Amino acid sequence: MRGVYVIEHVSTGRVYVGSTKNTTRRWRDHTKSLRLGVHHCSHLQRAWLKYGEQAFRFKMVEEVPSPVCLLEREQGWMNRTLKKFNTCPKAGSPLGMKLTTEQRAKIS
């Protein structure tokens, strides 16, 4: 299935918003990196480590028929979601993300 999904911290309602062409593979990728402690979203990773895997659920919030519209629909969900883990304000782009000194050193 193709669409917009959230990874929700059930007790707080805080979510990570994303979009994908393949939900099964994307959930597997998120879960793997979170279990290994290397997920790209540090806010989500810290919450996962603190509360445990059982505190989260993966759910589709919108099926998107065309892959061309995925990022646009993801951005729409990000714009209207107040409590989110996402560190990048723009869907599909790191623009606007504030990097730590350590992150900048790794990139250079």
Protein backbone atom coordinates (compact mmCIF):
# COMPACT_ATOMS: atom_id res chain seq x y z
CA MET A 1 0.00 0.00 0.00
CA ARG A 2 1.17 3.52 -0.78
CA GLY A 3 0.38 6.47 1.48
CA VAL A 4 1.03 8.57 4.56
CA TYR A 5 1.68 6.82 7.87
CA VAL A 6 2.42 7.73 11.45
CA ILE A 7 4.44 6.04 14.14
CA GLU A 8 2.47 6.95 17.23
CA HIS A 9 3.52 6.97 20.86
CA VAL A 10 0.19 5.65 22.11
CA SER A 11 0.08 7.22 25.59
CA THR A 12 0.98 10.78 24.47
CA GLY A 13 -0.39 10.84 20.92
CA ARG A 14 2.90 12.24 19.65
CA VAL A 15 3.68 10.99 16.14
CA TYR A 16 6.35 10.67 13.50
CA VAL A 17 4.80 11.43 10.09
CA GLY A 18 6.11 9.80 6.92
CA SER A 19 5.08 8.61 3.48
CA THR A 20 5.97 5.51 1.51
CA LYS A 21 5.32 3.52 -1.63
CA ASN A 22 5.55 0.26 0.37
CA THR A 23 4.22 0.28 3.94
CA THR A 24 5.43 -3.19 4.87
CA ARG A 25 9.02 -2.48 3.89
CA ARG A 26 8.99 1.01 5.44
CA TRP A 27 7.71 -0.24 8.80
CA ARG A 28 10.36 -2.99 8.76
CA ASP A 29 13.09 -0.40 8.02
CA HIS A 30 11.92 1.94 10.80
CA THR A 31 11.69 -0.89 13.30
CA LYS A 32 15.12 -2.23 12.42
CA SER A 33 16.88 1.13 12.80
CA LEU A 34 14.99 1.93 16.02
CA ARG A 35 15.91 -1.45 17.53
CA LEU A 36 19.55 -0.87 16.57
CA GLY A 37 19.46 2.65 18.03
CA VAL A 38 20.43 4.35 14.78
CA HIS A 39 17.17 5.91 13.56
CA HIS A 40 17.61 9.19 11.69
CA CYS A 41 15.01 10.96 13.87
CA SER A 42 16.71 11.47 17.23
CA HIS A 43 13.49 12.52 19.00
CA LEU A 44 11.73 9.32 17.97
CA GLN A 45 14.80 7.22 18.78
CA ARG A 46 15.08 8.61 22.31
CA ALA A 47 11.39 8.02 22.99
CA TRP A 48 11.64 4.46 21.61
CA LEU A 49 14.57 3.71 23.92
CA LYS A 50 12.85 5.29 26.92
CA TYR A 51 9.35 3.77 26.54
CA GLY A 52 10.05 0.60 24.56
CA GLU A 53 8.73 -0.82 21.32
CA GLN A 54 5.37 -1.81 22.83
CA ALA A 55 4.54 1.87 23.46
CA PHE A 56 4.38 2.61 19.72
CA ARG A 57 2.12 1.67 16.84
CA PHE A 58 2.43 2.09 13.10
CA LYS A 59 -0.70 3.11 11.25
CA MET A 60 -1.70 4.38 7.84
CA VAL A 61 -3.56 7.67 7.95
CA GLU A 62 -4.12 8.20 4.23
CA GLU A 63 -3.88 6.02 1.16
CA VAL A 64 -2.40 8.01 -1.75
CA PRO A 65 -3.20 6.72 -5.26
CA SER A 66 -0.34 8.49 -7.05
CA PRO A 67 3.31 8.40 -5.96
CA VAL A 68 3.66 11.94 -7.31
CA CYS A 69 1.42 13.21 -4.50
CA LEU A 70 3.12 11.43 -1.59
CA LEU A 71 5.33 14.26 -0.33
CA GLU A 72 2.55 16.81 -0.74
CA ARG A 73 0.16 14.70 1.34
CA GLU A 74 2.87 13.98 3.94
CA GLN A 75 3.52 17.72 4.25
CA GLY A 76 -0.20 18.31 4.74
CA TRP A 77 -0.26 15.86 7.65
CA MET A 78 2.91 17.38 9.12
CA ASN A 79 1.40 20.88 8.92
CA ARG A 80 -1.73 19.92 10.83
CA THR A 81 -0.06 17.66 13.41
CA LEU A 82 1.00 19.61 16.47
CA LYS A 83 2.65 16.86 18.53
CA LYS A 84 5.25 15.29 16.28
CA PHE A 85 8.69 13.72 16.52
CA ASN A 86 9.79 14.88 13.06
CA THR A 87 12.89 17.07 13.20
CA CYS A 88 12.73 18.24 9.58
CA PRO A 89 9.94 20.76 9.01
CA LYS A 90 9.66 19.90 5.31
CA ALA A 91 8.63 16.47 3.99
CA GLY A 92 11.35 14.73 1.99
CA SER A 93 13.94 17.41 2.66
CA PRO A 94 16.45 18.21 5.41
CA LEU A 95 16.02 21.95 4.66
CA GLY A 96 15.27 23.87 7.82
CA MET A 97 16.67 21.16 10.07
CA LYS A 98 19.02 22.44 12.74
CA LEU A 99 22.16 20.32 13.03
CA THR A 100 24.17 19.90 16.19
CA THR A 101 27.91 20.54 16.17
CA GLU A 102 28.46 16.78 16.28
CA GLN A 103 26.20 16.22 13.26
CA ARG A 104 28.00 18.93 11.29
CA ALA A 105 31.36 17.33 12.12
CA LYS A 106 30.15 13.92 10.86
CA ILE A 107 28.99 15.44 7.58
CA SER A 108 32.25 17.24 6.97
